[in-house]
N, C-alpha and C. Protein backbone atom coordinates (compact mmCIF):
# COMPACT_ATOMS: atom_id res chain seq x y z
N UNK A 1 47.77 99.12 116.41
CA UNK A 1 46.80 98.05 116.55
C UNK A 1 47.42 96.74 116.06
N UNK A 2 47.39 95.68 116.88
CA UNK A 2 47.97 94.41 116.45
C UNK A 2 47.23 93.82 115.25
N UNK A 3 48.00 93.16 114.39
CA UNK A 3 47.43 92.54 113.19
C UNK A 3 46.66 91.26 113.54
N UNK A 4 47.13 90.55 114.55
CA UNK A 4 46.55 89.25 114.92
C UNK A 4 46.14 89.25 116.38
N UNK A 5 45.11 88.49 116.68
CA UNK A 5 44.65 88.35 118.06
C UNK A 5 44.62 86.88 118.43
N UNK A 6 44.71 86.63 119.73
CA UNK A 6 44.65 85.26 120.23
C UNK A 6 43.22 84.87 120.54
N UNK A 7 42.92 83.60 120.27
CA UNK A 7 41.61 83.05 120.61
C UNK A 7 41.84 81.66 121.21
N UNK A 8 42.31 81.61 122.48
CA UNK A 8 42.67 80.33 123.10
C UNK A 8 41.55 79.30 123.13
N UNK A 9 40.32 79.73 123.12
CA UNK A 9 39.21 78.76 123.17
C UNK A 9 39.13 77.91 121.90
N UNK A 10 39.79 78.33 120.83
CA UNK A 10 39.75 77.58 119.56
C UNK A 10 41.08 76.90 119.24
N UNK A 11 42.07 77.02 120.10
CA UNK A 11 43.39 76.46 119.82
C UNK A 11 43.35 74.97 119.56
N UNK A 12 42.66 74.23 120.40
CA UNK A 12 42.65 72.77 120.23
C UNK A 12 42.03 72.41 118.89
N UNK A 13 40.89 73.02 118.56
CA UNK A 13 40.23 72.71 117.29
C UNK A 13 41.06 73.13 116.09
N UNK A 14 41.68 74.30 116.18
CA UNK A 14 42.39 74.84 115.01
C UNK A 14 43.82 74.31 114.85
N UNK A 15 44.51 74.09 115.96
CA UNK A 15 45.95 73.85 115.86
C UNK A 15 46.46 72.54 116.44
N UNK A 16 45.66 71.82 117.21
CA UNK A 16 46.17 70.62 117.89
C UNK A 16 46.76 69.60 116.90
N UNK A 17 46.06 69.30 115.83
CA UNK A 17 46.55 68.32 114.86
C UNK A 17 47.84 68.79 114.19
N UNK A 18 47.86 70.05 113.80
CA UNK A 18 49.05 70.60 113.15
C UNK A 18 50.26 70.55 114.09
N UNK A 19 50.06 71.00 115.33
CA UNK A 19 51.16 71.00 116.30
C UNK A 19 51.61 69.57 116.61
N UNK A 20 50.66 68.65 116.72
CA UNK A 20 51.01 67.26 116.98
C UNK A 20 51.84 66.69 115.83
N UNK A 21 51.39 66.89 114.60
CA UNK A 21 52.13 66.37 113.43
C UNK A 21 53.52 66.98 113.36
N UNK A 22 53.62 68.26 113.67
CA UNK A 22 54.92 68.94 113.69
C UNK A 22 55.83 68.27 114.73
N UNK A 23 55.27 68.01 115.91
CA UNK A 23 56.04 67.47 117.02
C UNK A 23 56.44 66.02 116.81
N UNK A 24 55.52 65.21 116.32
CA UNK A 24 55.79 63.77 116.20
C UNK A 24 56.95 63.50 115.25
N UNK A 25 57.15 64.36 114.27
CA UNK A 25 58.28 64.18 113.35
C UNK A 25 59.61 64.50 114.01
N UNK A 26 59.55 65.22 115.12
CA UNK A 26 60.77 65.61 115.80
C UNK A 26 61.09 64.77 117.03
N UNK A 27 60.06 64.19 117.66
CA UNK A 27 60.32 63.40 118.87
C UNK A 27 60.02 61.92 118.67
N UNK A 28 59.25 61.58 117.66
CA UNK A 28 58.96 60.18 117.30
C UNK A 28 58.40 59.36 118.47
N UNK A 29 57.59 60.01 119.31
CA UNK A 29 56.96 59.34 120.45
C UNK A 29 55.61 60.01 120.67
N UNK A 30 54.54 59.26 120.47
CA UNK A 30 53.19 59.82 120.54
C UNK A 30 52.89 60.48 121.87
N UNK A 31 53.22 59.83 122.96
CA UNK A 31 52.90 60.36 124.29
C UNK A 31 53.68 61.64 124.55
N UNK A 32 54.96 61.65 124.21
CA UNK A 32 55.78 62.85 124.39
C UNK A 32 55.24 63.98 123.52
N UNK A 33 54.89 63.66 122.28
CA UNK A 33 54.35 64.68 121.36
C UNK A 33 53.07 65.29 121.94
N UNK A 34 52.17 64.45 122.44
CA UNK A 34 50.93 64.95 123.03
C UNK A 34 51.22 65.84 124.23
N UNK A 35 52.15 65.42 125.08
CA UNK A 35 52.51 66.22 126.25
C UNK A 35 53.09 67.57 125.85
N UNK A 36 53.96 67.57 124.85
CA UNK A 36 54.58 68.82 124.40
C UNK A 36 53.54 69.79 123.83
N UNK A 37 52.56 69.26 123.11
CA UNK A 37 51.50 70.12 122.57
C UNK A 37 50.68 70.71 123.73
N UNK A 38 50.36 69.88 124.73
CA UNK A 38 49.62 70.38 125.89
C UNK A 38 50.42 71.44 126.63
N UNK A 39 51.73 71.20 126.80
CA UNK A 39 52.59 72.18 127.46
C UNK A 39 52.64 73.48 126.66
N UNK A 40 52.61 73.37 125.34
CA UNK A 40 52.61 74.55 124.47
C UNK A 40 51.35 75.38 124.70
N UNK A 41 50.20 74.71 124.72
CA UNK A 41 48.95 75.44 124.96
C UNK A 41 48.96 76.11 126.33
N UNK A 42 49.46 75.41 127.34
CA UNK A 42 49.51 75.97 128.68
C UNK A 42 50.45 77.17 128.73
N UNK A 43 51.63 77.04 128.12
CA UNK A 43 52.58 78.15 128.07
C UNK A 43 51.99 79.33 127.30
N UNK A 44 51.25 79.04 126.24
CA UNK A 44 50.60 80.10 125.48
C UNK A 44 49.59 80.86 126.32
N UNK A 45 48.81 80.13 127.09
CA UNK A 45 47.84 80.78 127.99
C UNK A 45 48.55 81.65 129.02
N UNK A 46 49.63 81.11 129.59
CA UNK A 46 50.37 81.84 130.62
C UNK A 46 51.03 83.11 130.08
N UNK A 47 51.45 83.07 128.82
CA UNK A 47 52.16 84.23 128.26
C UNK A 47 51.33 85.00 127.23
N UNK A 48 50.01 84.82 127.27
CA UNK A 48 49.14 85.50 126.31
C UNK A 48 49.28 87.01 126.35
N UNK A 49 49.54 87.55 127.54
CA UNK A 49 49.67 89.02 127.62
C UNK A 49 50.92 89.53 126.91
N UNK A 50 51.87 88.64 126.63
CA UNK A 50 53.09 89.03 125.90
C UNK A 50 52.92 88.97 124.38
N UNK A 51 51.79 88.43 123.92
CA UNK A 51 51.53 88.32 122.48
C UNK A 51 51.33 89.72 121.91
N UNK A 52 52.20 90.09 120.96
CA UNK A 52 52.15 91.44 120.39
C UNK A 52 51.23 91.54 119.19
N UNK A 53 50.89 90.41 118.59
CA UNK A 53 50.01 90.42 117.43
C UNK A 53 50.72 90.57 116.11
N UNK A 54 52.06 90.58 116.13
CA UNK A 54 52.82 90.72 114.88
C UNK A 54 52.80 89.42 114.07
N UNK A 55 52.79 88.31 114.75
CA UNK A 55 52.78 87.00 114.08
C UNK A 55 51.38 86.40 114.17
N UNK A 56 51.11 85.49 113.26
CA UNK A 56 49.85 84.76 113.30
C UNK A 56 49.84 83.88 114.56
N UNK A 57 48.67 83.58 115.03
CA UNK A 57 48.49 82.77 116.23
C UNK A 57 49.24 81.44 116.11
N UNK A 58 49.08 80.75 114.99
CA UNK A 58 49.73 79.45 114.77
C UNK A 58 51.25 79.60 114.79
N UNK A 59 51.77 80.64 114.17
CA UNK A 59 53.21 80.88 114.14
C UNK A 59 53.75 81.09 115.55
N UNK A 60 53.00 81.84 116.34
CA UNK A 60 53.39 82.12 117.72
C UNK A 60 53.40 80.82 118.53
N UNK A 61 52.38 79.99 118.35
CA UNK A 61 52.32 78.71 119.06
C UNK A 61 53.46 77.78 118.63
N UNK A 62 53.78 77.77 117.35
CA UNK A 62 54.91 76.96 116.86
C UNK A 62 56.21 77.41 117.51
N UNK A 63 56.40 78.71 117.66
CA UNK A 63 57.65 79.18 118.28
C UNK A 63 57.73 78.72 119.74
N UNK A 64 56.60 78.70 120.43
CA UNK A 64 56.58 78.17 121.80
C UNK A 64 56.88 76.68 121.77
N UNK A 65 56.25 75.96 120.85
CA UNK A 65 56.44 74.52 120.73
C UNK A 65 57.91 74.18 120.44
N UNK A 66 58.56 74.93 119.57
CA UNK A 66 59.97 74.68 119.26
C UNK A 66 60.82 74.76 120.52
N UNK A 67 60.55 75.75 121.37
CA UNK A 67 61.29 75.86 122.63
C UNK A 67 61.00 74.67 123.54
N UNK A 68 59.75 74.20 123.54
CA UNK A 68 59.39 73.03 124.36
C UNK A 68 60.13 71.79 123.87
N UNK A 69 60.24 71.63 122.56
CA UNK A 69 60.96 70.48 121.99
C UNK A 69 62.44 70.55 122.35
N UNK A 70 63.02 71.73 122.23
CA UNK A 70 64.43 71.91 122.59
C UNK A 70 64.63 71.58 124.07
N UNK A 71 63.75 72.09 124.91
CA UNK A 71 63.85 71.80 126.35
C UNK A 71 63.73 70.30 126.62
N UNK A 72 62.84 69.64 125.90
CA UNK A 72 62.67 68.19 126.05
C UNK A 72 63.99 67.48 125.75
N UNK A 73 64.66 67.83 124.65
CA UNK A 73 65.92 67.17 124.30
C UNK A 73 67.04 67.56 125.25
N UNK A 74 67.05 68.78 125.71
CA UNK A 74 68.06 69.17 126.69
C UNK A 74 67.93 68.31 127.95
N UNK A 75 66.71 68.11 128.38
CA UNK A 75 66.46 67.31 129.58
C UNK A 75 66.94 65.87 129.36
N UNK A 76 66.60 65.30 128.23
CA UNK A 76 67.04 63.93 127.92
C UNK A 76 68.56 63.86 127.83
N UNK A 77 69.14 64.81 127.12
CA UNK A 77 70.58 64.76 126.87
C UNK A 77 71.41 65.09 128.10
N UNK A 78 70.85 65.82 129.04
CA UNK A 78 71.60 66.08 130.26
C UNK A 78 71.75 64.79 131.05
N UNK A 79 70.84 63.85 130.84
CA UNK A 79 70.91 62.55 131.50
C UNK A 79 71.83 61.59 130.75
N UNK A 80 71.87 61.69 129.43
CA UNK A 80 72.60 60.71 128.62
C UNK A 80 74.01 61.18 128.26
N UNK A 81 74.31 62.42 128.46
CA UNK A 81 75.59 62.94 128.01
C UNK A 81 75.40 63.68 126.71
N UNK A 82 76.46 63.90 126.00
CA UNK A 82 76.37 64.70 124.78
C UNK A 82 75.68 63.95 123.67
N UNK A 83 74.81 64.65 122.99
CA UNK A 83 74.12 64.08 121.83
C UNK A 83 73.77 65.23 120.91
N UNK A 84 73.50 64.90 119.71
CA UNK A 84 73.15 65.90 118.70
C UNK A 84 71.67 66.20 118.77
N UNK A 85 71.34 67.49 118.74
CA UNK A 85 69.95 67.91 118.66
C UNK A 85 69.82 68.75 117.40
N UNK A 86 68.99 68.30 116.49
CA UNK A 86 68.80 69.01 115.24
C UNK A 86 67.42 69.64 115.26
N UNK A 87 67.35 70.90 114.94
CA UNK A 87 66.09 71.62 115.03
C UNK A 87 65.96 72.52 113.82
N UNK A 88 64.85 72.48 113.16
CA UNK A 88 64.63 73.39 112.04
C UNK A 88 64.32 74.77 112.54
N UNK A 89 64.66 75.78 111.77
CA UNK A 89 64.32 77.15 112.12
C UNK A 89 64.11 77.95 110.86
N UNK A 90 63.53 79.11 111.04
CA UNK A 90 63.38 80.05 109.95
C UNK A 90 64.00 81.36 110.43
N UNK A 91 64.95 81.89 109.67
CA UNK A 91 65.60 83.12 110.11
C UNK A 91 64.79 84.34 109.70
N UNK A 92 65.32 85.53 109.95
CA UNK A 92 64.60 86.77 109.68
C UNK A 92 64.21 86.92 108.21
N UNK A 93 64.97 86.29 107.32
CA UNK A 93 64.67 86.36 105.89
C UNK A 93 63.75 85.25 105.43
N UNK A 94 63.13 84.53 106.40
CA UNK A 94 62.24 83.40 106.12
C UNK A 94 62.94 82.28 105.35
N UNK A 95 64.22 82.10 105.60
CA UNK A 95 64.94 81.00 104.98
C UNK A 95 65.07 79.89 106.00
N UNK A 96 64.77 78.67 105.59
CA UNK A 96 64.85 77.53 106.49
C UNK A 96 66.29 77.10 106.65
N UNK A 97 66.57 76.49 107.79
CA UNK A 97 67.90 75.97 108.03
C UNK A 97 67.88 74.94 109.12
N UNK A 98 69.03 74.43 109.47
CA UNK A 98 69.14 73.46 110.54
C UNK A 98 70.04 74.03 111.62
N UNK A 99 69.78 73.64 112.83
CA UNK A 99 70.49 74.15 113.98
C UNK A 99 70.91 72.97 114.81
N UNK A 100 72.14 72.95 115.23
CA UNK A 100 72.63 71.86 116.06
C UNK A 100 73.02 72.40 117.42
N UNK A 101 72.46 71.82 118.47
CA UNK A 101 72.79 72.30 119.81
C UNK A 101 74.19 71.84 120.21
N UNK A 102 74.50 70.61 119.94
CA UNK A 102 75.81 70.08 120.29
C UNK A 102 76.66 70.00 119.03
N UNK A 103 77.92 69.71 119.21
CA UNK A 103 78.79 69.65 118.04
C UNK A 103 78.50 68.42 117.20
N UNK A 104 78.76 68.56 115.95
CA UNK A 104 78.53 67.49 115.00
C UNK A 104 79.90 66.86 114.70
N UNK A 105 79.89 65.61 114.32
CA UNK A 105 81.15 64.97 113.95
C UNK A 105 81.80 65.75 112.81
N UNK A 106 83.09 65.90 112.89
CA UNK A 106 83.84 66.64 111.88
C UNK A 106 83.89 65.83 110.59
N UNK A 107 83.30 66.37 109.49
CA UNK A 107 83.29 65.61 108.25
C UNK A 107 84.68 65.38 107.67
N UNK A 108 85.68 66.16 108.13
CA UNK A 108 87.03 66.00 107.62
C UNK A 108 87.81 64.98 108.45
N UNK A 109 87.16 64.45 109.50
CA UNK A 109 87.81 63.49 110.37
C UNK A 109 87.39 62.07 110.00
N UNK A 110 87.16 61.82 108.72
CA UNK A 110 86.76 60.49 108.27
C UNK A 110 87.97 59.77 107.71
N UNK A 111 88.07 58.50 107.98
CA UNK A 111 89.12 57.73 107.36
C UNK A 111 88.54 57.01 106.14
N UNK A 112 89.36 56.32 105.40
CA UNK A 112 88.91 55.67 104.16
C UNK A 112 87.82 54.64 104.45
N UNK A 113 87.93 53.95 105.59
CA UNK A 113 86.92 52.94 105.93
C UNK A 113 85.56 53.60 106.18
N UNK A 114 85.55 54.76 106.88
CA UNK A 114 84.30 55.48 107.14
C UNK A 114 83.64 55.92 105.83
N UNK A 115 84.44 56.44 104.91
CA UNK A 115 83.91 56.90 103.63
C UNK A 115 83.30 55.74 102.87
N UNK A 116 84.01 54.62 102.82
CA UNK A 116 83.52 53.43 102.12
C UNK A 116 82.23 52.93 102.76
N UNK A 117 82.20 52.91 104.09
CA UNK A 117 81.02 52.44 104.80
C UNK A 117 79.82 53.36 104.51
N UNK A 118 80.04 54.67 104.48
CA UNK A 118 78.96 55.61 104.16
C UNK A 118 78.44 55.41 102.74
N UNK A 119 79.34 55.16 101.81
CA UNK A 119 78.93 54.91 100.43
C UNK A 119 78.11 53.62 100.35
N UNK A 120 78.56 52.59 101.05
CA UNK A 120 77.84 51.32 101.05
C UNK A 120 76.45 51.48 101.66
N UNK A 121 76.37 52.24 102.75
CA UNK A 121 75.07 52.48 103.38
C UNK A 121 74.15 53.24 102.43
N UNK A 122 74.69 54.22 101.74
CA UNK A 122 73.90 54.98 100.77
C UNK A 122 73.33 54.09 99.67
N UNK A 123 74.15 53.19 99.19
CA UNK A 123 73.71 52.25 98.15
C UNK A 123 72.64 51.32 98.71
N UNK A 124 72.87 50.83 99.94
CA UNK A 124 71.89 49.93 100.57
C UNK A 124 70.55 50.63 100.76
N UNK A 125 70.57 51.89 101.18
CA UNK A 125 69.33 52.66 101.36
C UNK A 125 68.61 52.81 100.03
N UNK A 126 69.36 53.14 98.97
CA UNK A 126 68.75 53.28 97.65
C UNK A 126 68.11 51.97 97.19
N UNK A 127 68.81 50.86 97.41
CA UNK A 127 68.27 49.55 97.03
C UNK A 127 67.00 49.24 97.81
N UNK A 128 67.00 49.55 99.10
CA UNK A 128 65.81 49.29 99.93
C UNK A 128 64.65 50.20 99.53
N UNK A 129 64.96 51.44 99.18
CA UNK A 129 63.91 52.36 98.71
C UNK A 129 63.24 51.82 97.45
N UNK A 130 64.02 51.21 96.57
CA UNK A 130 63.46 50.68 95.32
C UNK A 130 62.54 49.49 95.57
N UNK A 131 62.71 48.82 96.71
CA UNK A 131 61.86 47.67 97.04
C UNK A 131 60.52 48.08 97.64
N UNK A 132 60.40 49.34 98.07
CA UNK A 132 59.14 49.82 98.66
C UNK A 132 58.08 49.98 97.57
N UNK A 133 56.80 49.88 97.94
CA UNK A 133 55.75 50.24 96.99
C UNK A 133 55.96 51.70 96.55
N UNK A 134 55.62 52.01 95.33
CA UNK A 134 55.90 53.33 94.75
C UNK A 134 55.38 54.47 95.62
N UNK A 135 54.14 54.38 96.08
CA UNK A 135 53.56 55.46 96.87
C UNK A 135 54.32 55.65 98.19
N UNK A 136 54.69 54.54 98.83
CA UNK A 136 55.46 54.63 100.08
C UNK A 136 56.80 55.30 99.83
N UNK A 137 57.47 54.87 98.77
CA UNK A 137 58.77 55.46 98.45
C UNK A 137 58.64 56.95 98.14
N UNK A 138 57.63 57.32 97.36
CA UNK A 138 57.42 58.73 97.00
C UNK A 138 57.19 59.58 98.25
N UNK A 139 56.29 59.12 99.12
CA UNK A 139 55.98 59.89 100.33
C UNK A 139 57.21 59.98 101.22
N UNK A 140 57.90 58.87 101.42
CA UNK A 140 59.09 58.86 102.27
C UNK A 140 60.15 59.82 101.74
N UNK A 141 60.42 59.76 100.46
CA UNK A 141 61.44 60.64 99.85
C UNK A 141 61.03 62.10 99.99
N UNK A 142 59.78 62.42 99.67
CA UNK A 142 59.32 63.81 99.74
C UNK A 142 59.41 64.34 101.18
N UNK A 143 58.98 63.55 102.16
CA UNK A 143 58.93 64.02 103.54
C UNK A 143 60.28 63.96 104.22
N UNK A 144 60.94 62.82 104.14
CA UNK A 144 62.15 62.60 104.93
C UNK A 144 63.42 63.07 104.24
N UNK A 145 63.53 62.84 102.96
CA UNK A 145 64.77 63.19 102.26
C UNK A 145 64.72 64.61 101.71
N UNK A 146 63.61 64.95 101.04
CA UNK A 146 63.50 66.28 100.46
C UNK A 146 63.01 67.31 101.47
N UNK A 147 62.41 66.86 102.57
CA UNK A 147 61.97 67.78 103.62
C UNK A 147 60.75 68.60 103.27
N UNK A 148 59.91 68.10 102.37
CA UNK A 148 58.71 68.84 101.99
C UNK A 148 57.75 68.93 103.17
N UNK A 149 56.94 69.97 103.19
CA UNK A 149 55.94 70.15 104.23
C UNK A 149 54.81 69.13 104.04
N UNK A 150 54.27 68.67 105.15
CA UNK A 150 53.18 67.70 105.14
C UNK A 150 52.03 68.19 104.28
N UNK A 151 51.65 69.44 104.48
CA UNK A 151 50.52 70.03 103.74
C UNK A 151 50.73 69.96 102.23
N UNK A 152 51.95 70.27 101.79
CA UNK A 152 52.26 70.26 100.36
C UNK A 152 52.19 68.84 99.78
N UNK A 153 52.73 67.89 100.52
CA UNK A 153 52.70 66.50 100.06
C UNK A 153 51.25 66.02 99.96
N UNK A 154 50.47 66.34 100.98
CA UNK A 154 49.06 65.90 101.00
C UNK A 154 48.30 66.46 99.80
N UNK A 155 48.53 67.73 99.50
CA UNK A 155 47.86 68.34 98.34
C UNK A 155 48.30 67.67 97.05
N UNK A 156 49.62 67.48 96.91
CA UNK A 156 50.17 66.91 95.68
C UNK A 156 49.67 65.48 95.44
N UNK A 157 49.59 64.69 96.51
CA UNK A 157 49.23 63.27 96.36
C UNK A 157 47.77 62.99 96.71
N UNK A 158 47.05 64.05 97.08
CA UNK A 158 45.64 63.94 97.42
C UNK A 158 45.40 62.89 98.53
N UNK A 159 46.15 63.08 99.65
CA UNK A 159 46.00 62.20 100.81
C UNK A 159 45.83 63.07 102.05
N UNK A 160 45.37 62.47 103.13
CA UNK A 160 45.23 63.21 104.38
C UNK A 160 46.55 63.17 105.15
N UNK A 161 46.69 64.06 106.12
CA UNK A 161 47.89 64.09 106.95
C UNK A 161 48.04 62.78 107.72
N UNK A 162 46.94 62.26 108.22
CA UNK A 162 46.98 60.99 108.95
C UNK A 162 47.48 59.86 108.04
N UNK A 163 46.98 59.84 106.82
CA UNK A 163 47.40 58.83 105.85
C UNK A 163 48.89 58.98 105.56
N UNK A 164 49.35 60.22 105.42
CA UNK A 164 50.77 60.47 105.16
C UNK A 164 51.62 59.85 106.26
N UNK A 165 51.22 60.08 107.53
CA UNK A 165 52.04 59.59 108.64
C UNK A 165 52.01 58.08 108.74
N UNK A 166 50.91 57.46 108.37
CA UNK A 166 50.85 56.00 108.34
C UNK A 166 51.81 55.49 107.26
N UNK A 167 51.78 56.12 106.10
CA UNK A 167 52.66 55.71 104.99
C UNK A 167 54.13 55.88 105.38
N UNK A 168 54.46 57.02 106.00
CA UNK A 168 55.85 57.27 106.41
C UNK A 168 56.28 56.22 107.44
N UNK A 169 55.41 55.93 108.39
CA UNK A 169 55.75 54.92 109.41
C UNK A 169 56.01 53.56 108.76
N UNK A 170 55.12 53.18 107.86
CA UNK A 170 55.29 51.88 107.18
C UNK A 170 56.57 51.85 106.35
N UNK A 171 56.87 52.96 105.69
CA UNK A 171 58.10 53.03 104.89
C UNK A 171 59.33 52.91 105.78
N UNK A 172 59.33 53.62 106.92
CA UNK A 172 60.47 53.54 107.84
C UNK A 172 60.65 52.12 108.35
N UNK A 173 59.55 51.50 108.73
CA UNK A 173 59.62 50.13 109.23
C UNK A 173 60.17 49.18 108.17
N UNK A 174 59.66 49.30 106.95
CA UNK A 174 60.13 48.45 105.86
C UNK A 174 61.61 48.71 105.54
N UNK A 175 62.01 49.97 105.57
CA UNK A 175 63.42 50.30 105.30
C UNK A 175 64.33 49.73 106.37
N UNK A 176 63.93 49.84 107.63
CA UNK A 176 64.76 49.30 108.71
C UNK A 176 64.87 47.78 108.58
N UNK A 177 63.77 47.12 108.28
CA UNK A 177 63.81 45.66 108.08
C UNK A 177 64.75 45.31 106.93
N UNK A 178 64.62 46.04 105.85
CA UNK A 178 65.46 45.78 104.67
C UNK A 178 66.94 46.01 105.01
N UNK A 179 67.23 47.12 105.69
CA UNK A 179 68.63 47.41 106.03
C UNK A 179 69.19 46.38 107.00
N UNK A 180 68.39 45.99 107.98
CA UNK A 180 68.85 45.00 108.95
C UNK A 180 69.15 43.67 108.26
N UNK A 181 68.35 43.31 107.28
CA UNK A 181 68.54 42.04 106.58
C UNK A 181 69.63 42.09 105.52
N UNK A 182 69.88 43.26 104.95
CA UNK A 182 70.79 43.33 103.81
C UNK A 182 72.08 44.10 104.05
N UNK A 183 72.12 44.95 105.06
CA UNK A 183 73.33 45.75 105.22
C UNK A 183 73.96 45.55 106.59
N UNK A 184 73.18 45.68 107.67
CA UNK A 184 73.75 45.61 109.00
C UNK A 184 74.38 44.25 109.28
N UNK A 185 73.77 43.19 108.77
CA UNK A 185 74.34 41.87 109.06
C UNK A 185 75.63 41.62 108.27
N UNK A 186 75.89 42.44 107.23
CA UNK A 186 77.10 42.28 106.43
C UNK A 186 78.27 43.07 106.96
N UNK A 187 78.02 43.89 107.97
CA UNK A 187 79.11 44.73 108.48
C UNK A 187 80.21 43.93 109.11
């Protein structure tokens, strides 16, 4: 007897926001994120008979969504040429990791100028982070640098997921402005 059952009539109510938030962090485009979530629901309906019930409904939908995101980037990258696609995954031992579809730049192929430039960029980012309001900096660091889950950050800071994404967006915008004014023009 399967442990979990599907209830497609409740997917939008139960999972749409979660799937959208998951997707928007990976594609950074609202319309694309909405389309991918819709495609996920459609694919889930089409393959419902293949659901074995071993995984929770949300976990199963996320696995479909991950494939949709990968397909989205493959489609884009086949048009643009080679590019890096980074995708989070969880292996059989439930350990998180990163996966790269294309090759990554060889870290041993850096010259002294590249190393110096990376160090300077790191310092510039730290300086710009210090200029952000404390809450913005905290949320940005927890989500983007430390990779904490949205749910965990929201609980810790007592904010909603929507509020978190507004804060992250504002922090990114402020950081880019700061870097453009203080680092990129000095290159």
